[in-house]
Amino acid sequence: MDTKLPWVAVVDDEDSIRRALLRLLRSAGIPARAFDGADSFLAALADGAPCCALLDVHMPGRSGLDLLALLAREAPGTGVIIMTGHHTPEEYARAQQYRPLAYLHKPMNDLQLLTAIGTVCPSWSLP
């Protein structure tokens, strides 16, 4: 994939979630890359940052919230959408410190997700 073009990162340790999100994004014409954790995603940033990153909160190693804080400092132009299957008020409050585009509960509403992505990657229209 040419990472000079706008793209979306999907960072989730669950393979089935990554595949489903890639399928959704690609069906909407959105170039996307999937990563099984924060470290593999961070290594890919050397090739350029995505316009948007979908981050799972609960992952081994660095959490999606840790990655959100890092992106706020290192790649402030990257919009972030937080995804969680186990919402807690504490995690929500921590995420809000860094102003993510959205804080979504799994399973997510496809239209809500695509609309949030469209706010930072406006070159794509919704299906």
C-alpha atoms as a PDB file:
ATOM      1  CA  MET A   1       0.000   0.000   0.000  1.00  0.00           C
ATOM      2  CA  ASP A   2       1.235   3.494  -0.819  1.00  0.00           C
ATOM      3  CA  THR A   3       1.297   5.119   2.613  1.00  0.00           C
ATOM      4  CA  LYS A   4       1.606   8.564   1.062  1.00  0.00           C
ATOM      5  CA  LEU A   5      -2.123   8.279   0.349  1.00  0.00           C
ATOM      6  CA  PRO A   6      -4.507   8.655   3.304  1.00  0.00           C
ATOM      7  CA  TRP A   7      -5.048   5.351   5.079  1.00  0.00           C
ATOM      8  CA  VAL A   8      -6.616   4.013   8.257  1.00  0.00           C
ATOM      9  CA  ALA A   9      -4.894   1.814  10.835  1.00  0.00           C
ATOM     10  CA  VAL A  10      -6.818  -0.917  12.652  1.00  0.00           C
ATOM     11  CA  VAL A  11      -5.014  -1.903  15.869  1.00  0.00           C
ATOM     12  CA  ASP A  12      -6.667  -4.810  17.677  1.00  0.00           C
ATOM     13  CA  ASP A  13      -5.280  -8.036  19.129  1.00  0.00           C
ATOM     14  CA  GLU A  14      -8.330 -10.038  17.984  1.00  0.00           C
ATOM     15  CA  ASP A  15      -7.877 -11.374  14.464  1.00  0.00           C
ATOM     16  CA  SER A  16     -11.622 -11.642  13.784  1.00  0.00           C
ATOM     17  CA  ILE A  17     -12.141  -7.971  14.699  1.00  0.00           C
ATOM     18  CA  ARG A  18      -9.237  -6.856  12.497  1.00  0.00           C
ATOM     19  CA  ARG A  19     -10.569  -8.844   9.537  1.00  0.00           C
ATOM     20  CA  ALA A  20     -14.127  -7.558   9.963  1.00  0.00           C
ATOM     21  CA  LEU A  21     -12.981  -3.938  10.189  1.00  0.00           C
ATOM     22  CA  LEU A  22     -10.681  -4.295   7.181  1.00  0.00           C
ATOM     23  CA  ARG A  23     -13.578  -5.758   5.196  1.00  0.00           C
ATOM     24  CA  LEU A  24     -15.842  -2.865   6.198  1.00  0.00           C
ATOM     25  CA  LEU A  25     -13.276  -0.183   5.421  1.00  0.00           C
ATOM     26  CA  ARG A  26     -12.263  -1.676   2.100  1.00  0.00           C
ATOM     27  CA  SER A  27     -15.904  -2.095   1.064  1.00  0.00           C
ATOM     28  CA  ALA A  28     -16.255   1.656   1.684  1.00  0.00           C
ATOM     29  CA  GLY A  29     -13.192   2.311  -0.496  1.00  0.00           C
ATOM     30  CA  ILE A  30     -10.957   3.228   2.440  1.00  0.00           C
ATOM     31  CA  PRO A  31      -7.354   1.962   2.295  1.00  0.00           C
ATOM     32  CA  ALA A  32      -6.552   0.268   5.592  1.00  0.00           C
ATOM     33  CA  ARG A  33      -3.822  -1.722   7.291  1.00  0.00           C
ATOM     34  CA  ALA A  34      -4.246  -3.998  10.292  1.00  0.00           C
ATOM     35  CA  PHE A  35      -1.923  -4.460  13.253  1.00  0.00           C
ATOM     36  CA  ASP A  36      -2.128  -6.998  16.085  1.00  0.00           C
ATOM     37  CA  GLY A  37      -0.806  -4.604  18.707  1.00  0.00           C
ATOM     38  CA  ALA A  38       0.753  -1.266  19.508  1.00  0.00           C
ATOM     39  CA  ASP A  39       4.330  -2.300  18.790  1.00  0.00           C
ATOM     40  CA  SER A  40       3.653  -3.503  15.246  1.00  0.00           C
ATOM     41  CA  PHE A  41       1.666  -0.336  14.572  1.00  0.00           C
ATOM     42  CA  LEU A  42       4.395   1.927  15.949  1.00  0.00           C
ATOM     43  CA  ALA A  43       6.996   0.197  13.778  1.00  0.00           C
ATOM     44  CA  ALA A  44       4.857   0.942  10.708  1.00  0.00           C
ATOM     45  CA  LEU A  45       4.754   4.668  11.502  1.00  0.00           C
ATOM     46  CA  ALA A  46       8.243   4.997  10.024  1.00  0.00           C
ATOM     47  CA  ASP A  47       6.513   4.755   6.620  1.00  0.00           C
ATOM     48  CA  GLY A  48       4.069   7.557   7.504  1.00  0.00           C
ATOM     49  CA  ALA A  49       1.186   8.103   9.870  1.00  0.00           C
ATOM     50  CA  PRO A  50      -2.404   7.188   9.008  1.00  0.00           C
ATOM     51  CA  CYS A  51      -5.120   9.819   8.820  1.00  0.00           C
ATOM     52  CA  CYS A  52      -7.049   7.773  11.389  1.00  0.00           C
ATOM     53  CA  ALA A  53      -6.286   4.949  13.833  1.00  0.00           C
ATOM     54  CA  LEU A  54      -8.877   2.580  15.299  1.00  0.00           C
ATOM     55  CA  LEU A  55      -7.484   1.454  18.657  1.00  0.00           C
ATOM     56  CA  ASP A  56      -8.745  -1.363  20.852  1.00  0.00           C
ATOM     57  CA  VAL A  57      -8.500  -0.435  24.538  1.00  0.00           C
ATOM     58  CA  HIS A  58      -7.608  -3.889  25.856  1.00  0.00           C
ATOM     59  CA  MET A  59      -4.517  -5.367  24.210  1.00  0.00           C
ATOM     60  CA  PRO A  60      -1.484  -7.176  25.620  1.00  0.00           C
ATOM     61  CA  GLY A  61       1.474  -4.874  26.183  1.00  0.00           C
ATOM     62  CA  ARG A  62       0.560  -1.262  25.488  1.00  0.00           C
ATOM     63  CA  SER A  63      -3.146  -0.606  25.672  1.00  0.00           C
ATOM     64  CA  GLY A  64      -5.078   1.434  23.170  1.00  0.00           C
ATOM     65  CA  LEU A  65      -5.224   4.213  25.772  1.00  0.00           C
ATOM     66  CA  ASP A  66      -1.427   4.187  26.070  1.00  0.00           C
ATOM     67  CA  LEU A  67      -1.206   4.355  22.294  1.00  0.00           C
ATOM     68  CA  LEU A  68      -3.750   7.202  22.209  1.00  0.00           C
ATOM     69  CA  ALA A  69      -1.561   9.269  24.545  1.00  0.00           C
ATOM     70  CA  LEU A  70       1.535   8.523  22.471  1.00  0.00           C
ATOM     71  CA  LEU A  71      -0.181   9.476  19.210  1.00  0.00           C
ATOM     72  CA  ALA A  72      -1.399  12.735  20.748  1.00  0.00           C
ATOM     73  CA  ARG A  73       2.270  13.671  21.240  1.00  0.00           C
ATOM     74  CA  GLU A  74       3.961  12.010  18.272  1.00  0.00           C
ATOM     75  CA  ALA A  75       1.333  12.161  15.502  1.00  0.00           C
ATOM     76  CA  PRO A  76      -1.178  14.852  16.480  1.00  0.00           C
ATOM     77  CA  GLY A  77      -2.623  14.935  12.953  1.00  0.00           C
ATOM     78  CA  THR A  78      -3.838  11.345  13.272  1.00  0.00           C
ATOM     79  CA  GLY A  79      -7.469  11.090  14.323  1.00  0.00           C
ATOM     80  CA  VAL A  80      -8.123   8.329  16.844  1.00  0.00           C
ATOM     81  CA  ILE A  81     -11.203   6.211  17.415  1.00  0.00           C
ATOM     82  CA  ILE A  82     -11.200   4.165  20.609  1.00  0.00           C
ATOM     83  CA  MET A  83     -12.943   0.766  20.538  1.00  0.00           C
ATOM     84  CA  THR A  84     -13.820  -1.310  23.574  1.00  0.00           C
ATOM     85  CA  GLY A  85     -15.794  -4.393  24.426  1.00  0.00           C
ATOM     86  CA  HIS A  86     -15.521  -3.690  28.166  1.00  0.00           C
ATOM     87  CA  HIS A  87     -16.344  -0.051  28.860  1.00  0.00           C
ATOM     88  CA  THR A  88     -15.493   1.517  32.190  1.00  0.00           C
ATOM     89  CA  PRO A  89     -16.068   5.128  33.233  1.00  0.00           C
ATOM     90  CA  GLU A  90     -12.383   5.396  34.220  1.00  0.00           C
ATOM     91  CA  GLU A  91     -11.192   4.356  30.767  1.00  0.00           C
ATOM     92  CA  TYR A  92     -13.648   6.720  29.129  1.00  0.00           C
ATOM     93  CA  ALA A  93     -12.386   9.622  31.264  1.00  0.00           C
ATOM     94  CA  ARG A  94      -8.768   8.756  30.474  1.00  0.00           C
ATOM     95  CA  ALA A  95      -9.507   8.640  26.746  1.00  0.00           C
ATOM     96  CA  GLN A  96     -11.304  11.986  26.822  1.00  0.00           C
ATOM     97  CA  GLN A  97      -8.118  13.704  28.027  1.00  0.00           C
ATOM     98  CA  TYR A  98      -6.761  13.200  24.482  1.00  0.00           C
ATOM     99  CA  ARG A  99      -9.989  14.008  22.624  1.00  0.00           C
ATOM    100  CA  PRO A 100     -10.528  10.958  20.431  1.00  0.00           C
ATOM    101  CA  LEU A 101     -12.873  11.309  17.471  1.00  0.00           C
ATOM    102  CA  ALA A 102     -15.120   8.684  19.028  1.00  0.00           C
ATOM    103  CA  TYR A 103     -15.262   6.180  21.868  1.00  0.00           C
ATOM    104  CA  LEU A 104     -17.191   3.216  20.502  1.00  0.00           C
ATOM    105  CA  HIS A 105     -18.492   0.064  22.161  1.00  0.00           C
ATOM    106  CA  LYS A 106     -18.114  -3.285  20.402  1.00  0.00           C
ATOM    107  CA  PRO A 107     -20.019  -4.382  18.440  1.00  0.00           C
ATOM    108  CA  MET A 108     -19.915  -1.036  16.683  1.00  0.00           C
ATOM    109  CA  ASN A 109     -22.382   0.632  14.391  1.00  0.00           C
ATOM    110  CA  ASP A 110     -20.788   0.656  10.911  1.00  0.00           C
ATOM    111  CA  LEU A 111     -22.266   3.993   9.900  1.00  0.00           C
ATOM    112  CA  GLN A 112     -21.158   5.656  13.131  1.00  0.00           C
ATOM    113  CA  LEU A 113     -17.623   4.334  12.618  1.00  0.00           C
ATOM    114  CA  LEU A 114     -17.428   5.420   8.972  1.00  0.00           C
ATOM    115  CA  THR A 115     -18.830   8.856   9.823  1.00  0.00           C
ATOM    116  CA  ALA A 116     -16.165   9.366  12.505  1.00  0.00           C
ATOM    117  CA  ILE A 117     -13.423   8.327  10.066  1.00  0.00           C
ATOM    118  CA  GLY A 118     -14.833  10.749   7.490  1.00  0.00           C
ATOM    119  CA  THR A 119     -14.255  13.683   9.832  1.00  0.00           C
ATOM    120  CA  VAL A 120     -10.466  13.324   9.455  1.00  0.00           C
ATOM    121  CA  CYS A 121     -10.287  11.480   6.159  1.00  0.00           C
ATOM    122  CA  PRO A 122     -12.825  13.514   4.171  1.00  0.00           C
ATOM    123  CA  SER A 123     -11.727  12.285   0.762  1.00  0.00           C
ATOM    124  CA  TRP A 124     -13.925   9.202   1.238  1.00  0.00           C
ATOM    125  CA  SER A 125     -17.666   9.283   0.917  1.00  0.00           C
ATOM    126  CA  LEU A 126     -19.923   6.931   2.813  1.00  0.00           C
ATOM    127  CA  PRO A 127     -21.352   3.956   0.944  1.00  0.00           C
END
